[in-house]
Protein backbone atom coordinates (compact mmCIF):
# COMPACT_ATOMS: atom_id res chain seq x y z
CA MET A 1 163.74 73.38 73.10
CA ALA A 2 160.13 73.34 73.97
CA LEU A 3 157.66 71.15 72.10
CA GLU A 4 155.63 72.56 69.42
CA VAL A 5 152.60 70.93 68.14
CA VAL A 6 150.55 71.71 64.86
CA LEU A 7 146.82 70.57 64.50
CA ILE A 8 145.45 70.04 61.05
CA THR A 9 141.89 70.11 60.34
CA GLY A 10 139.72 71.06 57.53
CA MET A 11 137.23 69.97 54.91
CA SER A 12 137.61 66.87 53.19
CA GLY A 13 139.16 67.36 49.96
CA SER A 14 140.98 70.54 51.15
CA GLY A 15 144.60 69.40 51.17
CA LYS A 16 145.36 68.18 54.55
CA SER A 17 147.61 65.53 53.17
CA VAL A 18 149.74 68.24 51.45
CA ALA A 19 149.95 70.32 54.20
CA LEU A 20 151.10 67.42 56.46
CA HIS A 21 153.73 66.49 53.87
CA ALA A 22 155.01 70.04 54.23
CA LEU A 23 155.44 69.95 57.70
CA GLU A 24 157.17 66.58 57.65
CA ASP A 25 159.67 68.35 55.15
CA ALA A 26 160.02 70.98 57.83
CA GLY A 27 161.10 68.31 60.64
CA PHE A 28 157.82 67.59 61.92
CA TYR A 29 156.83 64.25 63.05
CA CYS A 30 153.65 63.56 61.36
CA VAL A 31 150.35 61.64 61.93
CA ASP A 32 147.12 61.30 60.21
CA ASN A 33 143.74 60.81 61.48
CA LEU A 34 144.66 60.85 65.16
CA PRO A 35 141.20 59.88 67.21
CA PRO A 36 140.95 63.02 69.59
CA GLU A 37 140.33 60.84 72.59
CA LEU A 38 144.10 59.58 71.90
CA LEU A 39 145.66 63.22 71.53
CA SER A 40 146.82 64.11 75.06
CA ALA A 41 148.65 60.49 75.34
CA PHE A 42 150.13 60.81 72.02
CA ILE A 43 151.63 63.92 72.72
CA ALA A 44 153.28 62.96 75.81
CA LEU A 45 154.72 59.59 74.18
CA GLU A 46 155.96 61.26 70.89
CA HIS A 47 157.71 63.90 72.63
CA VAL A 48 159.83 61.33 74.20
CA ASN A 49 160.26 59.29 70.99
CA HIS A 50 160.30 61.65 68.19
CA GLY A 51 161.58 65.08 69.44
CA ASN A 52 159.97 68.48 69.60
CA ARG A 53 158.10 69.14 66.68
CA LEU A 54 154.56 67.11 66.29
CA ALA A 55 151.97 67.53 63.46
CA ILE A 56 148.50 65.84 63.85
CA ALA A 57 145.67 65.79 61.31
CA MET A 58 142.32 65.09 62.39
CA ASP A 59 139.14 65.07 59.85
CA VAL A 60 135.57 64.97 60.26
CA ARG A 61 135.50 61.00 60.71
CA SER A 62 136.35 61.70 64.33
CA ALA A 63 133.36 64.40 64.36
CA THR A 64 131.72 63.21 67.58
CA ALA A 65 135.18 63.59 69.56
CA LEU A 66 136.34 66.94 67.97
CA PRO A 67 134.69 69.28 70.51
CA LEU A 68 137.12 67.59 73.14
CA VAL A 69 140.31 68.68 71.27
CA PRO A 70 140.42 72.66 72.48
CA LEU A 71 139.87 72.00 75.84
CA GLN A 72 142.80 69.27 75.47
CA LEU A 73 144.93 71.63 73.83
CA GLU A 74 144.24 74.27 76.40
CA ARG A 75 145.59 72.11 78.98
CA ILE A 76 148.68 71.21 76.79
CA ARG A 77 149.25 74.95 76.43
CA GLY A 78 149.33 75.12 80.48
CA GLU A 79 152.17 72.95 80.27
CA GLY A 80 154.39 75.50 78.23
CA ILE A 81 153.73 73.79 74.81
CA ARG A 82 153.38 75.72 71.64
CA VAL A 83 150.12 74.78 69.91
CA GLN A 84 149.15 75.98 66.56
CA TYR A 85 145.68 75.44 64.65
CA LEU A 86 145.66 75.15 61.04
CA PHE A 87 142.25 74.79 59.16
CA LEU A 88 142.17 74.05 55.41
CA ASP A 89 139.22 75.20 53.66
CA ALA A 90 138.07 75.43 50.20
CA SER A 91 134.62 76.62 48.26
CA THR A 92 131.95 74.00 47.89
CA GLU A 93 132.29 74.32 44.17
CA THR A 94 135.97 73.39 44.35
CA LEU A 95 135.31 70.31 46.63
CA VAL A 96 132.44 68.89 44.73
CA ARG A 97 135.06 69.29 41.64
CA ARG A 98 137.68 67.79 43.42
CA PHE A 99 135.46 64.76 44.58
CA SER A 100 134.20 64.35 41.11
CA GLU A 101 137.66 64.15 39.48
CA THR A 102 139.16 61.89 41.98
CA ARG A 103 135.96 59.68 42.38
CA ARG A 104 136.70 59.29 46.03
CA ARG A 105 133.55 59.08 48.29
CA HIS A 106 133.43 61.90 51.09
CA PRO A 107 134.03 60.55 54.75
CA LEU A 108 130.55 61.35 55.80
CA SER A 109 128.89 59.95 52.82
CA LYS A 110 126.47 57.31 52.84
CA ASP A 111 124.45 57.40 49.71
CA GLU A 112 125.92 60.14 47.49
CA LEU A 113 126.90 57.24 44.86
CA ARG A 114 123.05 56.75 44.57
CA GLU A 115 121.69 60.21 45.00
CA GLY A 116 124.73 62.04 43.31
CA GLN A 117 125.64 65.84 43.23
CA SER A 118 122.90 66.66 45.76
CA ALA A 119 123.89 64.34 48.56
CA LEU A 120 127.33 65.44 47.96
CA LEU A 121 126.33 69.22 48.61
CA GLN A 122 124.48 68.01 51.51
CA THR A 123 127.29 66.11 53.37
CA ILE A 124 129.64 69.02 52.36
CA GLU A 125 127.71 71.51 54.33
CA LEU A 126 127.14 68.95 57.35
CA GLU A 127 130.89 68.75 57.38
CA ARG A 128 131.23 72.49 57.56
CA GLU A 129 128.71 72.66 60.37
CA LEU A 130 130.52 70.04 62.35
CA LEU A 131 134.07 71.71 61.98
CA ALA A 132 132.71 75.35 62.48
CA ASP A 133 134.05 75.54 66.05
CA LEU A 134 137.43 74.32 65.08
CA ARG A 135 137.75 76.51 62.16
CA GLU A 136 136.65 79.97 64.41
CA GLN A 137 140.05 78.97 66.51
CA SER A 138 142.27 78.39 63.65
CA HIS A 139 144.60 79.93 61.19
CA VAL A 140 142.67 79.39 57.69
CA ILE A 141 144.06 78.77 54.52
CA ASP A 142 141.69 78.74 51.39
CA THR A 143 143.08 76.20 49.05
CA SER A 144 140.53 76.79 46.45
CA ALA A 145 142.64 78.65 43.72
CA ILE A 146 146.01 77.57 44.72
CA ARG A 147 148.26 74.43 43.87
CA ALA A 148 149.68 72.12 46.09
CA SER A 149 152.98 73.61 45.85
CA GLN A 150 151.77 77.04 46.65
CA LEU A 151 149.99 75.40 49.87
CA GLN A 152 153.29 73.67 50.84
CA GLY A 153 155.16 77.12 50.90
CA TYR A 154 152.48 78.91 52.72
CA VAL A 155 152.39 75.95 55.65
CA LYS A 156 156.12 76.32 55.62
CA SER A 157 156.50 79.94 55.68
CA LEU A 158 153.83 79.91 59.07
CA MET A 159 155.87 77.36 60.70
CA ALA A 160 158.89 79.81 60.02
CA VAL A 161 157.54 82.96 61.97
CA PRO A 162 158.56 83.32 65.59
CA PRO A 163 155.86 82.39 67.92
CA SER A 164 156.00 85.62 70.12
CA ARG A 165 153.54 87.76 68.29
CA MET A 166 150.10 87.80 66.39
CA ILE A 167 150.75 86.80 62.83
CA LEU A 168 149.48 89.27 60.11
CA VAL A 169 149.12 87.83 56.83
CA PHE A 170 148.49 90.22 53.73
CA GLN A 171 147.31 88.39 50.56
CA SER A 172 146.54 89.96 47.07
CA PHE A 173 143.95 88.24 44.93
CA ALA A 174 141.88 88.75 41.78
CA PHE A 175 138.32 89.11 42.19
CA LYS A 176 137.54 87.31 38.82
CA ARG A 177 139.00 84.20 40.67
CA GLY A 178 137.22 84.61 43.54
CA VAL A 179 137.47 85.96 47.20
CA PRO A 180 139.51 83.95 49.48
CA VAL A 181 137.39 82.39 52.09
CA ASP A 182 140.11 82.42 54.83
CA ALA A 183 140.09 86.22 54.70
CA ASP A 184 139.24 88.08 58.05
CA TYR A 185 139.06 91.38 56.27
CA VAL A 186 138.51 92.09 52.30
CA PHE A 187 139.34 95.24 50.76
CA ASP A 188 138.34 96.11 47.31
CA VAL A 189 140.69 98.24 45.40
CA ARG A 190 139.32 97.81 41.99
CA MET A 191 138.20 101.54 41.77
CA LEU A 192 141.78 102.67 41.72
CA PRO A 193 143.70 103.79 38.81
CA ASN A 194 144.94 100.41 36.99
CA PRO A 195 148.36 100.20 35.56
CA HIS A 196 147.01 97.40 33.25
CA TYR A 197 145.76 100.27 30.77
CA GLU A 198 149.46 101.86 30.73
CA PRO A 199 151.15 99.84 27.97
CA GLU A 200 154.54 99.95 29.33
CA LEU A 201 153.45 98.65 32.70
CA ARG A 202 150.99 95.87 31.89
CA GLU A 203 153.18 93.12 31.94
CA LEU A 204 155.04 94.26 34.99
CA THR A 205 153.36 93.73 38.63
CA GLY A 206 152.92 95.43 41.62
CA LYS A 207 156.32 94.45 43.17
CA ASP A 208 158.16 96.13 40.08
CA ALA A 209 159.47 99.63 40.68
CA PRO A 210 158.07 101.45 37.54
CA VAL A 211 154.33 99.97 38.58
CA ALA A 212 155.25 101.24 42.12
CA GLU A 213 156.13 104.86 41.04
CA PHE A 214 153.10 104.84 39.07
CA LEU A 215 150.74 104.07 41.91
CA GLU A 216 152.66 106.19 44.36
CA GLN A 217 151.82 109.22 42.15
CA GLN A 218 147.86 108.40 42.49
CA PRO A 219 146.09 110.25 45.39
CA ALA A 220 143.40 107.59 45.53
CA VAL A 221 146.04 104.96 46.06
CA ASN A 222 147.53 106.81 48.95
CA GLN A 223 144.42 107.70 50.55
CA MET A 224 143.43 103.85 50.23
CA GLU A 225 146.58 102.63 51.86
CA GLU A 226 146.12 105.19 54.69
CA GLN A 227 142.83 104.30 55.46
CA ILE A 228 143.48 100.76 55.46
CA SER A 229 146.42 101.26 57.85
CA GLN A 230 144.35 103.55 60.08
CA PHE A 231 141.55 100.90 60.23
CA LEU A 232 143.90 97.91 61.05
CA GLU A 233 146.03 99.95 63.65
CA SER A 234 142.69 100.66 65.40
CA TRP A 235 141.65 96.99 66.02
CA LEU A 236 145.07 94.91 65.81
CA ASP A 237 145.53 95.12 69.45
CA ALA A 238 142.29 94.31 70.76
CA LEU A 239 142.45 91.10 68.23
CA ALA A 240 145.82 90.07 69.90
CA GLU A 241 144.09 90.86 73.42
CA ASN A 242 141.38 88.32 72.21
CA HIS A 243 143.99 85.59 71.93
CA ARG A 244 144.07 85.77 67.90
CA SER A 245 146.92 83.99 66.70
CA TYR A 246 146.49 84.87 63.15
CA VAL A 247 144.58 87.59 61.12
CA THR A 248 144.41 87.34 57.25
CA VAL A 249 143.52 90.87 55.23
CA ALA A 250 142.63 90.28 51.61
CA ILE A 251 143.30 92.85 49.21
CA GLY A 252 141.75 92.38 45.87
CA CYS A 253 141.57 93.96 42.10
CA THR A 254 140.55 92.75 38.85
CA GLY A 255 143.79 90.58 38.11
CA GLY A 256 145.81 90.23 41.11
CA GLN A 257 148.71 91.69 39.45
CA HIS A 258 149.30 95.37 40.29
CA ARG A 259 147.34 97.32 42.58
CA SER A 260 146.43 94.54 45.41
CA VAL A 261 150.08 93.48 45.02
CA TYR A 262 151.26 96.99 45.68
CA LEU A 263 149.33 97.34 48.29
CA VAL A 264 149.92 94.15 50.00
CA GLU A 265 153.87 95.03 49.82
CA ARG A 266 153.12 98.38 51.34
CA LEU A 267 150.89 97.28 54.06
CA ALA A 268 153.21 94.27 54.92
CA LYS A 269 156.14 96.85 55.29
CA HIS A 270 154.21 99.15 57.56
CA PHE A 271 153.03 96.63 60.07
CA SER A 272 156.18 94.54 59.96
CA PRO A 273 158.08 96.46 62.93
CA LYS A 274 155.05 95.54 65.36
CA TRP A 275 153.65 92.41 63.73
CA ASN A 276 154.89 89.15 62.37
CA THR A 277 153.99 89.85 58.96
CA LEU A 278 153.53 87.46 55.81
CA ARG A 279 152.70 88.42 52.03
CA ARG A 280 150.84 86.06 49.89
CA HIS A 281 150.13 86.88 46.27
CA ARG A 282 147.59 84.24 45.12
CA GLU A 283 147.71 84.73 41.46
CA MET A 284 151.44 85.62 41.14
CA ASP A 285 152.17 82.61 43.21
CA ALA A 286 150.04 80.54 41.12
CA ARG A 287 151.89 81.71 37.92
CA ALA A 288 155.23 81.07 39.41
CA SER A 289 154.41 77.60 40.35
CA GLY A 290 153.40 76.91 36.85
CA ARG A 291 149.47 76.93 37.06
């Protein structure tokens, strides 16, 4: 069995430890905060000692050496090893709140305790800048509005997808809870007819047959689905040829319950014959996990 390596990076406070635990549950041998200089030697050693699935977390404390990582991993790929990049992100507002709630210092911080929130904000923006190149090469998961159990589920679903084709992630969301920062493309469908205003449909979701039947009868909904499909069909091959491993398409409506959910289900079904597809329903998943 070929060796599989997952590299987890991301913003401090975004949930890297949660993702690492999810991978451990999925059968990966995991190590946290590995210095980048040791990456190649570690992979060679652990392949012998711990089998075929390794997960490695690195954070901004290794910032000066992080630029070495992509080149090292390209060499490792050349040896037939499957390598996946996973980057965890969150909005600055969310990160500030999390640091405030946990009373932890940011790894890059020198004086935030003295200068307060202003210093923390500057530190977070510095971290974004230092990690920008790795983020560009990774599959990004926005943890701003999801629970730890949701993140664990998302990570495990990614690991279950066969590696042969680009992964296309369709995600529904509610604009009132913020636009996902992990989206490559965002489509606003709030102008479409809203089942929320039909009393018999209000408590249902876009996955329920009565809501689907209602939306299928709306010409604007069909037009939106067709135009999004045409756009993606025009560019997905080019993205794959550009060595993209993941593309995230976010569909947003007001509550993230009816229109966006319906379109995510329809689009995922449409594209699944050619691409590996995953469905995420941010607001519905949050409710299911007890948010």
